[in-house]
Amino acid sequence: SFVVSLMFWLGLSFEMPLAFFALAKARLITARQLLRAWRFAVLMIAILAAAITPTVDPVNMSIVMVPLIALYLLSVLLAALAD
C-alpha cells in the first residue's frame, strides 16, 4: 500500500511539465508568471513532498523535493517554448 501510494503521487507529479506546457499553449500561464512565482512553487513543493513522504525527517523530504523542483524548472522551460 505504501509503495503503491508513493509511486502514484510521484508519477502524478512527474506530469507537471506536461500540464504546464498545455496551460502555456492555451495561453493561461506564461513562463514569466512561473518564474515570478518560484517562491510559492517551492513552498507548495515542500508541502507536497512532506505529504508524499511517510517520515518526518528532512532527508527523505529532500529526496522528493529536489526532483520536483527540477521538474518545475523544466515546466518553466516548456512554457517558454510554448510561447
Protein backbone atom coordinates (compact mmCIF):
# COMPACT_ATOMS: atom_id res chain seq x y z
CA SER A 1 0.00 0.00 0.00
CA PHE A 2 2.79 2.41 0.93
CA VAL A 3 4.86 1.73 -2.18
CA VAL A 4 1.84 1.99 -4.47
CA SER A 5 0.83 5.29 -2.86
CA LEU A 6 4.34 6.71 -3.14
CA MET A 7 4.69 5.64 -6.76
CA PHE A 8 1.27 7.05 -7.65
CA TRP A 9 1.93 10.52 -6.22
CA LEU A 10 5.44 10.74 -7.63
CA GLY A 11 4.20 9.56 -11.01
CA LEU A 12 1.42 12.13 -10.93
CA SER A 13 3.86 14.89 -10.02
CA PHE A 14 6.08 13.96 -12.99
CA GLU A 15 3.20 15.07 -15.22
CA MET A 16 3.66 18.67 -14.03
CA PRO A 17 5.77 19.80 -17.03
CA LEU A 18 3.20 18.42 -19.46
CA ALA A 19 0.35 20.15 -17.63
CA PHE A 20 2.20 23.49 -17.55
CA PHE A 21 3.08 23.14 -21.23
CA ALA A 22 -0.60 22.60 -22.06
CA LEU A 23 -1.62 25.59 -19.93
CA ALA A 24 1.01 27.76 -21.61
CA LYS A 25 -0.09 26.57 -25.05
CA ALA A 26 -3.65 27.58 -24.14
CA ARG A 27 -2.27 31.00 -23.10
CA LEU A 28 -3.47 30.60 -19.49
CA ILE A 29 0.02 30.95 -17.99
CA THR A 30 3.36 32.25 -19.19
CA ALA A 31 6.95 31.38 -18.36
CA ARG A 32 7.38 34.82 -16.84
CA GLN A 33 4.50 34.17 -14.41
CA LEU A 34 6.04 30.85 -13.44
CA LEU A 35 9.42 32.48 -12.82
CA ARG A 36 7.85 35.20 -10.69
CA ALA A 37 6.03 32.57 -8.60
CA TRP A 38 9.08 30.41 -7.86
CA ARG A 39 8.97 31.08 -4.11
CA PHE A 40 5.35 29.99 -3.89
CA ALA A 41 6.15 26.96 -6.06
CA VAL A 42 9.00 25.89 -3.76
CA LEU A 43 6.69 26.24 -0.76
CA MET A 44 3.99 24.16 -2.45
CA ILE A 45 6.59 21.57 -3.49
CA ALA A 46 7.82 21.36 0.12
CA ILE A 47 4.26 20.80 1.35
CA LEU A 48 3.67 18.18 -1.33
CA ALA A 49 6.95 16.43 -0.50
CA ALA A 50 6.01 16.39 3.18
CA ALA A 51 2.65 14.86 2.32
CA ILE A 52 4.15 12.24 -0.02
CA THR A 53 6.92 11.04 2.28
CA PRO A 54 5.83 8.92 5.22
CA THR A 55 8.52 10.05 7.65
CA VAL A 56 9.19 13.46 9.15
CA ASP A 57 12.93 13.62 8.59
CA PRO A 58 14.21 16.29 6.19
CA VAL A 59 16.44 13.88 4.24
CA ASN A 60 13.52 11.91 2.81
CA MET A 61 11.64 15.11 2.13
CA SER A 62 14.67 16.49 0.26
CA ILE A 63 14.92 13.32 -1.81
CA VAL A 64 11.40 14.04 -3.07
CA MET A 65 11.78 17.83 -3.27
CA VAL A 66 14.86 18.01 -5.48
CA PRO A 67 13.32 16.20 -8.48
CA LEU A 68 10.10 18.18 -8.08
CA ILE A 69 11.99 21.48 -8.18
CA ALA A 70 13.86 20.28 -11.26
CA LEU A 71 10.53 19.39 -12.84
CA TYR A 72 9.23 22.88 -12.04
CA LEU A 73 12.22 24.41 -13.80
CA LEU A 74 11.60 22.10 -16.76
CA SER A 75 8.00 23.32 -16.72
CA VAL A 76 9.21 26.91 -16.98
CA LEU A 77 11.37 25.97 -19.96
CA LEU A 78 8.50 24.18 -21.67
CA ALA A 79 6.18 27.12 -21.02
CA ALA A 80 8.75 29.40 -22.66
CA LEU A 81 8.89 27.08 -25.66
CA ALA A 82 5.09 27.13 -25.89
CA ASP A 83 5.10 30.93 -26.25
